[in-house]
Amino acid sequence: MRESKANPRASWEFYGIDKVQQMILKELMRSDEYASMVQTVAFAANEIVALYLIKSVLENKSYDRLEFDRELGRIACGRTDFYGIRRYFYYLFYLKLNEHRSE
């Protein structure tokens, strides 16, 4: 895994996360045990779209369903940026999870 800042064009491979890891991370994010960590990491990934990131993962909502969300309003970024930030969010969660587990 690379240490880097958010790069909206960075792929899953760039972050070293494969499909299986994505599914595992998503399940962990949805568990109550990591709710606080999810909040912290989402805001670290991008404060402007943090709540959209959380809703996207927890409720399995795509960008298209979140773009004009009734609760949160219109999202402040485009599709490519959103999905790039979401990949970065997963990456930061992965790092935080590993840090937490090694304590």
PDB file of N, CA and C in Angstrom:
ATOM      1  N   MET A   1       0.841  -1.182   0.000  1.00  0.00           N
ATOM      2  CA  MET A   1       0.000   0.000   0.000  1.00  0.00           C
ATOM      3  C   MET A   1       0.888   1.248   0.000  1.00  0.00           C
ATOM      4  N   ARG A   2       0.475   2.195  -0.764  1.00  0.00           N
ATOM      5  CA  ARG A   2       1.245   3.426  -0.882  1.00  0.00           C
ATOM      6  C   ARG A   2       0.707   4.477   0.056  1.00  0.00           C
ATOM      7  N   GLU A   3       1.597   5.267   0.588  1.00  0.00           N
ATOM      8  CA  GLU A   3       1.199   6.442   1.348  1.00  0.00           C
ATOM      9  C   GLU A   3       0.998   7.559   0.338  1.00  0.00           C
ATOM     10  N   SER A   4      -0.196   8.101   0.279  1.00  0.00           N
ATOM     11  CA  SER A   4      -0.439   9.166  -0.690  1.00  0.00           C
ATOM     12  C   SER A   4      -1.618  10.007  -0.262  1.00  0.00           C
ATOM     13  N   LYS A   5      -1.739  11.145  -0.886  1.00  0.00           N
ATOM     14  CA  LYS A   5      -2.913  11.980  -0.704  1.00  0.00           C
ATOM     15  C   LYS A   5      -3.991  11.478  -1.644  1.00  0.00           C
ATOM     16  N   ALA A   6      -5.209  11.934  -1.429  1.00  0.00           N
ATOM     17  CA  ALA A   6      -6.316  11.521  -2.293  1.00  0.00           C
ATOM     18  C   ALA A   6      -6.012  11.895  -3.739  1.00  0.00           C
ATOM     19  N   ASN A   7      -6.200  10.963  -4.604  1.00  0.00           N
ATOM     20  CA  ASN A   7      -6.016  11.181  -6.031  1.00  0.00           C
ATOM     21  C   ASN A   7      -7.268  10.643  -6.702  1.00  0.00           C
ATOM     22  N   PRO A   8      -8.143  11.524  -7.184  1.00  0.00           N
ATOM     23  CA  PRO A   8      -9.400  11.067  -7.762  1.00  0.00           C
ATOM     24  C   PRO A   8      -9.248  10.063  -8.896  1.00  0.00           C
ATOM     25  N   ARG A   9      -8.096   9.984  -9.497  1.00  0.00           N
ATOM     26  CA  ARG A   9      -7.900   9.050 -10.597  1.00  0.00           C
ATOM     27  C   ARG A   9      -7.222   7.750 -10.147  1.00  0.00           C
ATOM     28  N   ALA A  10      -6.809   7.660  -8.883  1.00  0.00           N
ATOM     29  CA  ALA A  10      -6.100   6.479  -8.398  1.00  0.00           C
ATOM     30  C   ALA A  10      -7.035   5.272  -8.392  1.00  0.00           C
ATOM     31  N   SER A  11      -6.519   4.156  -8.857  1.00  0.00           N
ATOM     32  CA  SER A  11      -7.304   2.929  -8.955  1.00  0.00           C
ATOM     33  C   SER A  11      -7.238   2.136  -7.650  1.00  0.00           C
ATOM     34  N   TRP A  12      -8.067   1.099  -7.582  1.00  0.00           N
ATOM     35  CA  TRP A  12      -7.998   0.175  -6.450  1.00  0.00           C
ATOM     36  C   TRP A  12      -6.603  -0.442  -6.386  1.00  0.00           C
ATOM     37  N   GLU A  13      -6.035  -0.756  -7.528  1.00  0.00           N
ATOM     38  CA  GLU A  13      -4.714  -1.370  -7.576  1.00  0.00           C
ATOM     39  C   GLU A  13      -3.650  -0.436  -6.994  1.00  0.00           C
ATOM     40  N   PHE A  14      -3.798   0.857  -7.269  1.00  0.00           N
ATOM     41  CA  PHE A  14      -2.873   1.848  -6.730  1.00  0.00           C
ATOM     42  C   PHE A  14      -2.827   1.762  -5.198  1.00  0.00           C
ATOM     43  N   TYR A  15      -3.996   1.564  -4.605  1.00  0.00           N
ATOM     44  CA  TYR A  15      -4.098   1.463  -3.147  1.00  0.00           C
ATOM     45  C   TYR A  15      -3.853   0.053  -2.633  1.00  0.00           C
ATOM     46  N   GLY A  16      -3.687  -0.912  -3.542  1.00  0.00           N
ATOM     47  CA  GLY A  16      -3.407  -2.285  -3.130  1.00  0.00           C
ATOM     48  C   GLY A  16      -4.610  -3.009  -2.548  1.00  0.00           C
ATOM     49  N   ILE A  17      -5.801  -2.631  -2.983  1.00  0.00           N
ATOM     50  CA  ILE A  17      -7.021  -3.251  -2.471  1.00  0.00           C
ATOM     51  C   ILE A  17      -7.696  -4.021  -3.603  1.00  0.00           C
ATOM     52  N   ASP A  18      -7.877  -5.335  -3.387  1.00  0.00           N
ATOM     53  CA  ASP A  18      -8.528  -6.151  -4.408  1.00  0.00           C
ATOM     54  C   ASP A  18     -10.025  -6.298  -4.097  1.00  0.00           C
ATOM     55  N   LYS A  19     -10.746  -7.007  -4.961  1.00  0.00           N
ATOM     56  CA  LYS A  19     -12.211  -7.153  -4.830  1.00  0.00           C
ATOM     57  C   LYS A  19     -12.602  -7.812  -3.510  1.00  0.00           C
ATOM     58  N   VAL A  20     -11.872  -8.828  -3.105  1.00  0.00           N
ATOM     59  CA  VAL A  20     -12.185  -9.527  -1.856  1.00  0.00           C
ATOM     60  C   VAL A  20     -12.003  -8.579  -0.670  1.00  0.00           C
ATOM     61  N   GLN A  21     -10.902  -7.846  -0.658  1.00  0.00           N
ATOM     62  CA  GLN A  21     -10.656  -6.884   0.418  1.00  0.00           C
ATOM     63  C   GLN A  21     -11.737  -5.806   0.441  1.00  0.00           C
ATOM     64  N   GLN A  22     -12.186  -5.359  -0.738  1.00  0.00           N
ATOM     65  CA  GLN A  22     -13.255  -4.359  -0.809  1.00  0.00           C
ATOM     66  C   GLN A  22     -14.501  -4.857  -0.094  1.00  0.00           C
ATOM     67  N   MET A  23     -14.875  -6.099  -0.372  1.00  0.00           N
ATOM     68  CA  MET A  23     -16.076  -6.661   0.252  1.00  0.00           C
ATOM     69  C   MET A  23     -15.910  -6.792   1.761  1.00  0.00           C
ATOM     70  N   ILE A  24     -14.743  -7.233   2.189  1.00  0.00           N
ATOM     71  CA  ILE A  24     -14.481  -7.373   3.626  1.00  0.00           C
ATOM     72  C   ILE A  24     -14.522  -6.012   4.305  1.00  0.00           C
ATOM     73  N   LEU A  25     -13.864  -5.019   3.708  1.00  0.00           N
ATOM     74  CA  LEU A  25     -13.854  -3.675   4.284  1.00  0.00           C
ATOM     75  C   LEU A  25     -15.271  -3.101   4.361  1.00  0.00           C
ATOM     76  N   LYS A  26     -16.063  -3.310   3.317  1.00  0.00           N
ATOM     77  CA  LYS A  26     -17.432  -2.809   3.300  1.00  0.00           C
ATOM     78  C   LYS A  26     -18.245  -3.432   4.447  1.00  0.00           C
ATOM     79  N   GLU A  27     -18.094  -4.728   4.650  1.00  0.00           N
ATOM     80  CA  GLU A  27     -18.815  -5.402   5.735  1.00  0.00           C
ATOM     81  C   GLU A  27     -18.375  -4.869   7.102  1.00  0.00           C
ATOM     82  N   LEU A  28     -17.084  -4.640   7.257  1.00  0.00           N
ATOM     83  CA  LEU A  28     -16.583  -4.089   8.521  1.00  0.00           C
ATOM     84  C   LEU A  28     -17.105  -2.676   8.743  1.00  0.00           C
ATOM     85  N   MET A  29     -17.153  -1.879   7.679  1.00  0.00           N
ATOM     86  CA  MET A  29     -17.663  -0.511   7.798  1.00  0.00           C
ATOM     87  C   MET A  29     -19.128  -0.510   8.217  1.00  0.00           C
ATOM     88  N   ARG A  30     -19.861  -1.512   7.800  1.00  0.00           N
ATOM     89  CA  ARG A  30     -21.287  -1.591   8.117  1.00  0.00           C
ATOM     90  C   ARG A  30     -21.552  -2.113   9.529  1.00  0.00           C
ATOM     91  N   SER A  31     -20.543  -2.650  10.174  1.00  0.00           N
ATOM     92  CA  SER A  31     -20.733  -3.171  11.530  1.00  0.00           C
ATOM     93  C   SER A  31     -20.679  -2.023  12.541  1.00  0.00           C
ATOM     94  N   ASP A  32     -21.453  -2.160  13.576  1.00  0.00           N
ATOM     95  CA  ASP A  32     -21.493  -1.126  14.619  1.00  0.00           C
ATOM     96  C   ASP A  32     -20.148  -0.944  15.307  1.00  0.00           C
ATOM     97  N   GLU A  33     -19.358  -1.988  15.329  1.00  0.00           N
ATOM     98  CA  GLU A  33     -18.064  -1.957  16.008  1.00  0.00           C
ATOM     99  C   GLU A  33     -17.139  -0.862  15.468  1.00  0.00           C
ATOM    100  N   TYR A  34     -17.262  -0.553  14.170  1.00  0.00           N
ATOM    101  CA  TYR A  34     -16.365   0.404  13.540  1.00  0.00           C
ATOM    102  C   TYR A  34     -17.048   1.707  13.128  1.00  0.00           C
ATOM    103  N   ALA A  35     -18.234   1.966  13.658  1.00  0.00           N
ATOM    104  CA  ALA A  35     -18.996   3.161  13.267  1.00  0.00           C
ATOM    105  C   ALA A  35     -18.212   4.450  13.505  1.00  0.00           C
ATOM    106  N   SER A  36     -17.574   4.552  14.635  1.00  0.00           N
ATOM    107  CA  SER A  36     -16.795   5.748  14.964  1.00  0.00           C
ATOM    108  C   SER A  36     -15.611   5.912  14.010  1.00  0.00           C
ATOM    109  N   MET A  37     -14.961   4.809  13.715  1.00  0.00           N
ATOM    110  CA  MET A  37     -13.814   4.848  12.810  1.00  0.00           C
ATOM    111  C   MET A  37     -14.252   5.263  11.404  1.00  0.00           C
ATOM    112  N   VAL A  38     -15.393   4.772  10.971  1.00  0.00           N
ATOM    113  CA  VAL A  38     -15.919   5.127   9.642  1.00  0.00           C
ATOM    114  C   VAL A  38     -16.135   6.635   9.564  1.00  0.00           C
ATOM    115  N   GLN A  39     -16.741   7.213  10.593  1.00  0.00           N
ATOM    116  CA  GLN A  39     -16.982   8.659  10.626  1.00  0.00           C
ATOM    117  C   GLN A  39     -15.662   9.431  10.530  1.00  0.00           C
ATOM    118  N   THR A  40     -14.711   9.063  11.363  1.00  0.00           N
ATOM    119  CA  THR A  40     -13.417   9.743  11.401  1.00  0.00           C
ATOM    120  C   THR A  40     -12.700   9.667  10.061  1.00  0.00           C
ATOM    121  N   VAL A  41     -12.665   8.480   9.492  1.00  0.00           N
ATOM    122  CA  VAL A  41     -11.951   8.267   8.237  1.00  0.00           C
ATOM    123  C   VAL A  41     -12.644   8.975   7.076  1.00  0.00           C
ATOM    124  N   ALA A  42     -13.968   8.989   7.070  1.00  0.00           N
ATOM    125  CA  ALA A  42     -14.698   9.671   5.990  1.00  0.00           C
ATOM    126  C   ALA A  42     -14.354  11.157   5.974  1.00  0.00           C
ATOM    127  N   PHE A  43     -14.316  11.778   7.138  1.00  0.00           N
ATOM    128  CA  PHE A  43     -13.983  13.203   7.203  1.00  0.00           C
ATOM    129  C   PHE A  43     -12.510  13.449   6.891  1.00  0.00           C
ATOM    130  N   ALA A  44     -11.659  12.484   7.193  1.00  0.00           N
ATOM    131  CA  ALA A  44     -10.242  12.608   6.831  1.00  0.00           C
ATOM    132  C   ALA A  44     -10.064  12.495   5.313  1.00  0.00           C
ATOM    133  N   ALA A  45     -10.874  11.665   4.689  1.00  0.00           N
ATOM    134  CA  ALA A  45     -10.783  11.486   3.234  1.00  0.00           C
ATOM    135  C   ALA A  45     -11.209  12.749   2.502  1.00  0.00           C
ATOM    136  N   ASN A  46     -12.330  13.342   2.942  1.00  0.00           N
ATOM    137  CA  ASN A  46     -12.820  14.573   2.317  1.00  0.00           C
ATOM    138  C   ASN A  46     -13.987  15.118   3.137  1.00  0.00           C
ATOM    139  N   GLU A  47     -13.765  16.219   3.795  1.00  0.00           N
ATOM    140  CA  GLU A  47     -14.794  16.801   4.660  1.00  0.00           C
ATOM    141  C   GLU A  47     -16.069  17.180   3.911  1.00  0.00           C
ATOM    142  N   ILE A  48     -15.932  17.623   2.685  1.00  0.00           N
ATOM    143  CA  ILE A  48     -17.078  18.120   1.918  1.00  0.00           C
ATOM    144  C   ILE A  48     -18.052  17.003   1.557  1.00  0.00           C
ATOM    145  N   VAL A  49     -17.532  15.827   1.216  1.00  0.00           N
ATOM    146  CA  VAL A  49     -18.418  14.732   0.801  1.00  0.00           C
ATOM    147  C   VAL A  49     -18.453  13.576   1.814  1.00  0.00           C
ATOM    148  N   ALA A  50     -17.950  13.799   3.021  1.00  0.00           N
ATOM    149  CA  ALA A  50     -17.872  12.736   4.028  1.00  0.00           C
ATOM    150  C   ALA A  50     -19.210  12.044   4.269  1.00  0.00           C
ATOM    151  N   LEU A  51     -20.265  12.811   4.437  1.00  0.00           N
ATOM    152  CA  LEU A  51     -21.568  12.205   4.719  1.00  0.00           C
ATOM    153  C   LEU A  51     -22.083  11.403   3.525  1.00  0.00           C
ATOM    154  N   TYR A  52     -21.748  11.820   2.331  1.00  0.00           N
ATOM    155  CA  TYR A  52     -22.125  11.071   1.130  1.00  0.00           C
ATOM    156  C   TYR A  52     -21.345   9.761   1.052  1.00  0.00           C
ATOM    157  N   LEU A  53     -20.071   9.799   1.440  1.00  0.00           N
ATOM    158  CA  LEU A  53     -19.257   8.583   1.459  1.00  0.00           C
ATOM    159  C   LEU A  53     -19.865   7.554   2.408  1.00  0.00           C
ATOM    160  N   ILE A  54     -20.209   8.021   3.582  1.00  0.00           N
ATOM    161  CA  ILE A  54     -20.780   7.133   4.589  1.00  0.00           C
ATOM    162  C   ILE A  54     -22.094   6.531   4.089  1.00  0.00           C
ATOM    163  N   LYS A  55     -22.941   7.378   3.559  1.00  0.00           N
ATOM    164  CA  LYS A  55     -24.232   6.904   3.054  1.00  0.00           C
ATOM    165  C   LYS A  55     -24.042   5.943   1.886  1.00  0.00           C
ATOM    166  N   SER A  56     -23.084   6.225   1.035  1.00  0.00           N
ATOM    167  CA  SER A  56     -22.810   5.368  -0.113  1.00  0.00           C
ATOM    168  C   SER A  56     -22.428   3.957   0.329  1.00  0.00           C
ATOM    169  N   VAL A  57     -21.560   3.866   1.301  1.00  0.00           N
ATOM    170  CA  VAL A  57     -21.088   2.564   1.768  1.00  0.00           C
ATOM    171  C   VAL A  57     -22.132   1.867   2.640  1.00  0.00           C
ATOM    172  N   LEU A  58     -22.674   2.569   3.609  1.00  0.00           N
ATOM    173  CA  LEU A  58     -23.601   1.931   4.545  1.00  0.00           C
ATOM    174  C   LEU A  58     -24.926   1.539   3.908  1.00  0.00           C
ATOM    175  N   GLU A  59     -25.387   2.338   2.955  1.00  0.00           N
ATOM    176  CA  GLU A  59     -26.684   2.063   2.330  1.00  0.00           C
ATOM    177  C   GLU A  59     -26.544   1.526   0.905  1.00  0.00           C
ATOM    178  N   ASN A  60     -25.307   1.268   0.497  1.00  0.00           N
ATOM    179  CA  ASN A  60     -25.027   0.733  -0.835  1.00  0.00           C
ATOM    180  C   ASN A  60     -25.654   1.586  -1.938  1.00  0.00           C
ATOM    181  N   LYS A  61     -25.409   2.901  -1.866  1.00  0.00           N
ATOM    182  CA  LYS A  61     -25.969   3.837  -2.844  1.00  0.00           C
ATOM    183  C   LYS A  61     -24.885   4.309  -3.810  1.00  0.00           C
ATOM    184  N   SER A  62     -25.244   4.351  -5.067  1.00  0.00           N
ATOM    185  CA  SER A  62     -24.318   4.808  -6.103  1.00  0.00           C
ATOM    186  C   SER A  62     -24.293   6.338  -6.132  1.00  0.00           C
ATOM    187  N   TYR A  63     -23.332   6.864  -6.880  1.00  0.00           N
ATOM    188  CA  TYR A  63     -23.244   8.315  -7.060  1.00  0.00           C
ATOM    189  C   TYR A  63     -24.553   8.854  -7.630  1.00  0.00           C
ATOM    190  N   ASP A  64     -25.101   8.155  -8.617  1.00  0.00           N
ATOM    191  CA  ASP A  64     -26.335   8.618  -9.265  1.00  0.00           C
ATOM    192  C   ASP A  64     -27.497   8.742  -8.277  1.00  0.00           C
ATOM    193  N   ARG A  65     -27.543   7.862  -7.286  1.00  0.00           N
ATOM    194  CA  ARG A  65     -28.614   7.931  -6.287  1.00  0.00           C
ATOM    195  C   ARG A  65     -28.320   8.993  -5.223  1.00  0.00           C
ATOM    196  N   LEU A  66     -27.060   9.374  -5.090  1.00  0.00           N
ATOM    197  CA  LEU A  66     -26.673  10.375  -4.085  1.00  0.00           C
ATOM    198  C   LEU A  66     -26.549  11.785  -4.651  1.00  0.00           C
ATOM    199  N   GLU A  67     -26.444  11.897  -5.958  1.00  0.00           N
ATOM    200  CA  GLU A  67     -26.164  13.196  -6.571  1.00  0.00           C
ATOM    201  C   GLU A  67     -27.156  14.270  -6.127  1.00  0.00           C
ATOM    202  N   PHE A  68     -28.415  13.925  -6.028  1.00  0.00           N
ATOM    203  CA  PHE A  68     -29.453  14.854  -5.571  1.00  0.00           C
ATOM    204  C   PHE A  68     -30.175  14.256  -4.376  1.00  0.00           C
ATOM    205  N   ASP A  69     -29.443  13.984  -3.316  1.00  0.00           N
ATOM    206  CA  ASP A  69     -29.993  13.335  -2.126  1.00  0.00           C
ATOM    207  C   ASP A  69     -30.958  14.254  -1.383  1.00  0.00           C
ATOM    208  N   ARG A  70     -32.101  13.715  -0.987  1.00  0.00           N
ATOM    209  CA  ARG A  70     -33.121  14.513  -0.292  1.00  0.00           C
ATOM    210  C   ARG A  70     -32.665  14.988   1.088  1.00  0.00           C
ATOM    211  N   GLU A  71     -31.915  14.176   1.773  1.00  0.00           N
ATOM    212  CA  GLU A  71     -31.444  14.540   3.118  1.00  0.00           C
ATOM    213  C   GLU A  71     -30.223  15.457   3.079  1.00  0.00           C
ATOM    214  N   LEU A  72     -29.273  15.131   2.214  1.00  0.00           N
ATOM    215  CA  LEU A  72     -27.993  15.843   2.200  1.00  0.00           C
ATOM    216  C   LEU A  72     -27.906  16.958   1.164  1.00  0.00           C
ATOM    217  N   GLY A  73     -28.831  16.983   0.233  1.00  0.00           N
ATOM    218  CA  GLY A  73     -28.770  17.976  -0.827  1.00  0.00           C
ATOM    219  C   GLY A  73     -27.894  17.494  -1.966  1.00  0.00           C
ATOM    220  N   ARG A  74     -27.559  18.398  -2.855  1.00  0.00           N
ATOM    221  CA  ARG A  74     -26.765  18.040  -4.018  1.00  0.00           C
ATOM    222  C   ARG A  74     -25.298  17.850  -3.639  1.00  0.00           C
ATOM    223  N   ILE A  75     -24.708  16.793  -4.157  1.00  0.00           N
ATOM    224  CA  ILE A  75     -23.309  16.482  -3.857  1.00  0.00           C
ATOM    225  C   ILE A  75     -22.403  17.506  -4.558  1.00  0.00           C
ATOM    226  N   ALA A  76     -21.322  17.869  -3.894  1.00  0.00           N
ATOM    227  CA  ALA A  76     -20.455  18.950  -4.367  1.00  0.00           C
ATOM    228  C   ALA A  76     -19.271  18.481  -5.211  1.00  0.00           C
ATOM    229  N   CYS A  77     -19.417  17.338  -5.885  1.00  0.00           N
ATOM    230  CA  CYS A  77     -18.347  16.900  -6.776  1.00  0.00           C
ATOM    231  C   CYS A  77     -18.938  16.005  -7.859  1.00  0.00           C
ATOM    232  N   GLY A  78     -18.160  15.774  -8.880  1.00  0.00           N
ATOM    233  CA  GLY A  78     -18.604  14.921  -9.973  1.00  0.00           C
ATOM    234  C   GLY A  78     -18.389  13.447  -9.673  1.00  0.00           C
ATOM    235  N   ARG A  79     -18.883  12.608 -10.557  1.00  0.00           N
ATOM    236  CA  ARG A  79     -18.826  11.156 -10.390  1.00  0.00           C
ATOM    237  C   ARG A  79     -17.391  10.644 -10.248  1.00  0.00           C
ATOM    238  N   THR A  80     -16.507  11.059 -11.156  1.00  0.00           N
ATOM    239  CA  THR A  80     -15.127  10.568 -11.130  1.00  0.00           C
ATOM    240  C   THR A  80     -14.441  10.926  -9.824  1.00  0.00           C
ATOM    241  N   ASP A  81     -14.593  12.176  -9.400  1.00  0.00           N
ATOM    242  CA  ASP A  81     -13.994  12.598  -8.131  1.00  0.00           C
ATOM    243  C   ASP A  81     -14.597  11.832  -6.956  1.00  0.00           C
ATOM    244  N   PHE A  82     -15.918  11.668  -6.965  1.00  0.00           N
ATOM    245  CA  PHE A  82     -16.574  10.967  -5.856  1.00  0.00           C
ATOM    246  C   PHE A  82     -16.035   9.552  -5.710  1.00  0.00           C
ATOM    247  N   TYR A  83     -15.986   8.817  -6.809  1.00  0.00           N
ATOM    248  CA  TYR A  83     -15.516   7.437  -6.718  1.00  0.00           C
ATOM    249  C   TYR A  83     -14.029   7.360  -6.379  1.00  0.00           C
ATOM    250  N   GLY A  84     -13.258   8.337  -6.821  1.00  0.00           N
ATOM    251  CA  GLY A  84     -11.852   8.393  -6.425  1.00  0.00           C
ATOM    252  C   GLY A  84     -11.701   8.655  -4.938  1.00  0.00           C
ATOM    253  N   ILE A  85     -12.494   9.574  -4.423  1.00  0.00           N
ATOM    254  CA  ILE A  85     -12.460   9.875  -2.991  1.00  0.00           C
ATOM    255  C   ILE A  85     -12.952   8.668  -2.200  1.00  0.00           C
ATOM    256  N   ARG A  86     -13.938   7.959  -2.734  1.00  0.00           N
ATOM    257  CA  ARG A  86     -14.453   6.771  -2.048  1.00  0.00           C
ATOM    258  C   ARG A  86     -13.387   5.673  -1.986  1.00  0.00           C
ATOM    259  N   ARG A  87     -12.609   5.503  -3.054  1.00  0.00           N
ATOM    260  CA  ARG A  87     -11.512   4.530  -3.006  1.00  0.00           C
ATOM    261  C   ARG A  87     -10.489   4.938  -1.949  1.00  0.00           C
ATOM    262  N   TYR A  88     -10.203   6.233  -1.882  1.00  0.00           N
ATOM    263  CA  TYR A  88      -9.266   6.747  -0.872  1.00  0.00           C
ATOM    264  C   TYR A  88      -9.827   6.521   0.538  1.00  0.00           C
ATOM    265  N   PHE A  89     -11.116   6.701   0.705  1.00  0.00           N
ATOM    266  CA  PHE A  89     -11.803   6.445   1.971  1.00  0.00           C
ATOM    267  C   PHE A  89     -11.602   4.987   2.397  1.00  0.00           C
ATOM    268  N   TYR A  90     -11.787   4.056   1.485  1.00  0.00           N
ATOM    269  CA  TYR A  90     -11.553   2.639   1.783  1.00  0.00           C
ATOM    270  C   TYR A  90     -10.102   2.422   2.198  1.00  0.00           C
ATOM    271  N   TYR A  91      -9.186   3.053   1.474  1.00  0.00           N
ATOM    272  CA  TYR A  91      -7.762   2.914   1.768  1.00  0.00           C
ATOM    273  C   TYR A  91      -7.438   3.432   3.172  1.00  0.00           C
ATOM    274  N   LEU A  92      -7.949   4.609   3.504  1.00  0.00           N
ATOM    275  CA  LEU A  92      -7.706   5.155   4.846  1.00  0.00           C
ATOM    276  C   LEU A  92      -8.326   4.272   5.920  1.00  0.00           C
ATOM    277  N   PHE A  93      -9.504   3.727   5.649  1.00  0.00           N
ATOM    278  CA  PHE A  93     -10.137   2.806   6.603  1.00  0.00           C
ATOM    279  C   PHE A  93      -9.265   1.564   6.786  1.00  0.00           C
ATOM    280  N   TYR A  94      -8.750   1.047   5.691  1.00  0.00           N
ATOM    281  CA  TYR A  94      -7.859  -0.115   5.740  1.00  0.00           C
ATOM    282  C   TYR A  94      -6.638   0.169   6.622  1.00  0.00           C
ATOM    283  N   LEU A  95      -6.016   1.325   6.421  1.00  0.00           N
ATOM    284  CA  LEU A  95      -4.844   1.698   7.223  1.00  0.00           C
ATOM    285  C   LEU A  95      -5.199   1.833   8.701  1.00  0.00           C
ATOM    286  N   LYS A  96      -6.309   2.508   8.970  1.00  0.00           N
ATOM    287  CA  LYS A  96      -6.753   2.731  10.350  1.00  0.00           C
ATOM    288  C   LYS A  96      -7.101   1.403  11.008  1.00  0.00           C
ATOM    289  N   LEU A  97      -7.746   0.523  10.278  1.00  0.00           N
ATOM    290  CA  LEU A  97      -8.114  -0.793  10.792  1.00  0.00           C
ATOM    291  C   LEU A  97      -6.868  -1.592  11.155  1.00  0.00           C
ATOM    292  N   ASN A  98      -5.873  -1.589  10.304  1.00  0.00           N
ATOM    293  CA  ASN A  98      -4.637  -2.300  10.589  1.00  0.00           C
ATOM    294  C   ASN A  98      -3.913  -1.697  11.790  1.00  0.00           C
ATOM    295  N   GLU A  99      -3.940  -0.388  11.899  1.00  0.00           N
ATOM    296  CA  GLU A  99      -3.344   0.301  13.046  1.00  0.00           C
ATOM    297  C   GLU A  99      -4.073  -0.097  14.324  1.00  0.00           C
ATOM    298  N   HIS A 100      -5.394  -0.130  14.266  1.00  0.00           N
ATOM    299  CA  HIS A 100      -6.221  -0.487  15.417  1.00  0.00           C
ATOM    300  C   HIS A 100      -5.978  -1.942  15.857  1.00  0.00           C
ATOM    301  N   ARG A 101      -5.867  -2.830  14.892  1.00  0.00           N
ATOM    302  CA  ARG A 101      -5.678  -4.254  15.184  1.00  0.00           C
ATOM    303  C   ARG A 101      -4.290  -4.555  15.715  1.00  0.00           C
ATOM    304  N   SER A 102      -3.306  -3.713  15.409  1.00  0.00           N
ATOM    305  CA  SER A 102      -1.941  -3.967  15.878  1.00  0.00           C
ATOM    306  C   SER A 102      -1.687  -3.404  17.275  1.00  0.00           C
ATOM    307  N   GLU A 103      -2.658  -2.710  17.811  1.00  0.00           N
ATOM    308  CA  GLU A 103      -2.496  -2.120  19.162  1.00  0.00           C
ATOM    309  C   GLU A 103      -2.654  -3.169  20.232  1.00  0.00           C
TER     310      GLU A 103
END
